[in-house]
Amino acid sequence: MATNIAMNILVRTAHEADIPQIVDLIEPYVEDGRLLARTYDEFGELLPNFFVAVAEENGTIIGCAALEIYSRKLAEIRSLAVSRSAQGRGVGKMLVDACVQRARDHNILEVMAITSSDGFFHACGFDYTLPGAKRALFYQTTPDED
């Protein structure tokens, strides 16, 4: 899947050769606790459903996101990151759209996002509940690190 969007940004499925750039891109978000660290093996497992946004003028990866498919019913958007220099240009929304489209292509019923940026995901069409008042509930098994 490749999408050519205005502003000279290409969203495409990630390749194994992209992993070092993806690691570099998400590292600041891992350091500040907004994303979980991933191993190269985890990136490799996610590659079939991992997307990158590439600045066409120089081939730099400026954003990434993965769709982790848990079952026919549920998938999660993971490792969504956009370089600080590219924020505000719609890159994150393009990546979320690519993930949601992949879920549709696989007939996945629900896509979730666990995030501290709920306003962004609201703008992408996500909500706290699903039709029929379905809600996600969480139980924290480790103490807060704050």
Protein backbone atom coordinates (compact mmCIF):
# COMPACT_ATOMS: atom_id res chain seq x y z
CA MET A 1 0.00 0.00 0.00
CA ALA A 2 1.38 3.39 -0.92
CA THR A 3 -0.40 6.70 -0.68
CA ASN A 4 0.94 9.87 -2.22
CA ILE A 5 -0.38 12.77 -0.17
CA ALA A 6 -0.04 16.51 -0.60
CA MET A 7 3.02 18.04 1.07
CA ASN A 8 5.25 15.42 -0.62
CA ILE A 9 4.75 12.72 1.99
CA LEU A 10 4.48 9.08 1.05
CA VAL A 11 2.88 6.59 3.45
CA ARG A 12 3.92 3.01 2.74
CA THR A 13 4.41 -0.33 4.42
CA ALA A 14 7.71 -0.44 6.30
CA HIS A 15 10.62 -2.60 5.14
CA GLU A 16 13.25 -4.33 7.23
CA ALA A 17 15.82 -1.75 6.09
CA ASP A 18 13.63 0.97 7.70
CA ILE A 19 13.97 -0.44 11.23
CA PRO A 20 17.08 1.61 12.24
CA GLN A 21 15.35 4.87 11.19
CA ILE A 22 12.16 3.81 13.01
CA VAL A 23 14.15 3.08 16.18
CA ASP A 24 15.78 6.54 15.95
CA LEU A 25 12.40 8.18 15.35
CA ILE A 26 10.65 6.68 18.36
CA GLU A 27 13.62 6.90 20.76
CA PRO A 28 12.77 10.41 22.09
CA TYR A 29 9.21 9.23 22.82
CA VAL A 30 10.51 6.13 24.60
CA GLU A 31 12.87 8.28 26.68
CA ASP A 32 10.05 10.58 27.83
CA GLY A 33 7.76 7.62 28.59
CA ARG A 34 5.20 8.22 25.85
CA LEU A 35 6.01 5.02 23.93
CA LEU A 36 7.19 1.60 24.94
CA ALA A 37 10.62 0.46 23.84
CA ARG A 38 10.59 -2.20 21.11
CA THR A 39 13.21 -4.76 20.20
CA TYR A 40 14.35 -5.36 16.63
CA ASP A 41 12.51 -8.71 16.81
CA GLU A 42 9.27 -6.94 17.75
CA PHE A 43 9.67 -4.54 14.84
CA GLY A 44 10.29 -7.51 12.57
CA GLU A 45 7.10 -9.22 13.74
CA LEU A 46 5.07 -6.03 13.19
CA LEU A 47 6.56 -5.23 9.74
CA PRO A 48 3.68 -6.60 7.64
CA ASN A 49 1.37 -4.07 9.34
CA PHE A 50 3.89 -1.31 10.10
CA PHE A 51 3.67 1.93 8.14
CA VAL A 52 6.15 4.74 7.63
CA ALA A 53 5.66 8.27 6.39
CA VAL A 54 8.54 9.30 4.17
CA ALA A 55 9.48 12.83 3.12
CA GLU A 56 9.80 12.39 -0.63
CA GLU A 57 12.33 15.21 -1.04
CA ASN A 58 15.02 13.36 0.93
CA GLY A 59 13.68 9.87 1.74
CA THR A 60 13.74 10.50 5.49
CA ILE A 61 11.22 8.63 7.62
CA ILE A 62 9.26 11.32 9.46
CA GLY A 63 6.57 9.14 11.03
CA CYS A 64 5.59 5.57 11.81
CA ALA A 65 2.74 3.50 13.20
CA ALA A 66 1.93 -0.19 13.48
CA LEU A 67 -1.32 -2.10 13.56
CA GLU A 68 -1.04 -5.10 15.86
CA ILE A 69 -3.79 -7.56 15.04
CA TYR A 70 -4.89 -9.58 18.07
CA SER A 71 -7.86 -11.37 16.51
CA ARG A 72 -10.53 -10.94 13.84
CA LYS A 73 -12.29 -8.77 16.39
CA LEU A 74 -9.54 -6.48 17.69
CA ALA A 75 -6.39 -4.65 16.60
CA GLU A 76 -4.35 -1.89 18.25
CA ILE A 77 -2.48 1.06 16.83
CA ARG A 78 1.02 0.97 18.33
CA SER A 79 4.28 2.88 18.10
CA LEU A 80 2.71 5.96 16.51
CA ALA A 81 5.40 8.63 16.30
CA VAL A 82 5.97 11.70 14.14
CA SER A 83 9.25 13.62 14.14
CA ARG A 84 8.90 16.90 15.96
CA SER A 85 9.87 18.78 12.77
CA ALA A 86 6.97 17.21 10.84
CA GLN A 87 4.23 17.60 13.46
CA GLY A 88 1.18 19.64 12.50
CA ARG A 89 1.34 18.54 8.84
CA GLY A 90 -1.22 15.70 9.10
CA VAL A 91 1.38 12.93 9.17
CA GLY A 92 -0.05 11.25 12.28
CA LYS A 93 -3.55 11.21 10.79
CA MET A 94 -2.22 9.70 7.55
CA LEU A 95 -0.55 6.93 9.54
CA VAL A 96 -3.67 6.26 11.64
CA ASP A 97 -5.74 6.17 8.43
CA ALA A 98 -3.33 3.61 6.94
CA CYS A 99 -3.68 1.42 10.05
CA VAL A 100 -7.47 1.69 10.07
CA GLN A 101 -7.59 0.85 6.36
CA ARG A 102 -5.40 -2.22 6.97
CA ALA A 103 -7.85 -3.29 9.70
CA ARG A 104 -10.74 -2.87 7.26
CA ASP A 105 -8.84 -4.88 4.64
CA HIS A 106 -8.55 -7.71 7.19
CA ASN A 107 -12.20 -7.33 8.30
CA ILE A 108 -11.13 -6.44 11.86
CA LEU A 109 -14.16 -5.26 13.81
CA GLU A 110 -12.53 -2.84 16.26
CA VAL A 111 -9.32 -0.81 16.42
CA MET A 112 -8.12 0.62 19.71
CA ALA A 113 -5.41 3.04 20.74
CA ILE A 114 -3.95 3.33 24.24
CA THR A 115 -2.67 6.88 24.42
CA SER A 116 -2.03 9.99 26.44
CA SER A 117 -3.00 12.04 23.34
CA ASP A 118 -6.70 11.34 23.34
CA GLY A 119 -7.56 14.63 21.62
CA PHE A 120 -5.55 13.53 18.58
CA PHE A 121 -7.33 10.18 18.42
CA HIS A 122 -10.72 11.85 18.89
CA ALA A 123 -9.90 13.97 15.83
CA CYS A 124 -9.18 10.71 13.95
CA GLY A 125 -12.65 9.36 14.78
CA PHE A 126 -11.85 7.32 17.90
CA ASP A 127 -14.04 7.53 20.99
CA TYR A 128 -14.08 6.18 24.54
CA THR A 129 -16.98 3.85 23.89
CA LEU A 130 -18.22 1.78 21.00
CA PRO A 131 -21.80 1.33 19.85
CA GLY A 132 -23.62 -0.73 22.45
CA ALA A 133 -21.69 1.10 25.22
CA LYS A 134 -18.66 -1.20 25.06
CA ARG A 135 -15.75 0.12 27.14
CA ALA A 136 -12.18 -0.94 27.76
CA LEU A 137 -11.29 -1.42 31.42
CA PHE A 138 -7.73 -1.64 32.70
CA TYR A 139 -6.00 -3.09 35.73
CA GLN A 140 -2.48 -1.90 36.54
CA THR A 141 -0.26 -4.74 37.80
CA THR A 142 2.83 -2.65 38.54
CA PRO A 143 3.19 0.50 40.65
CA ASP A 144 3.20 3.87 38.95
CA GLU A 145 6.71 5.08 38.13
CA ASP A 146 5.86 8.77 38.57
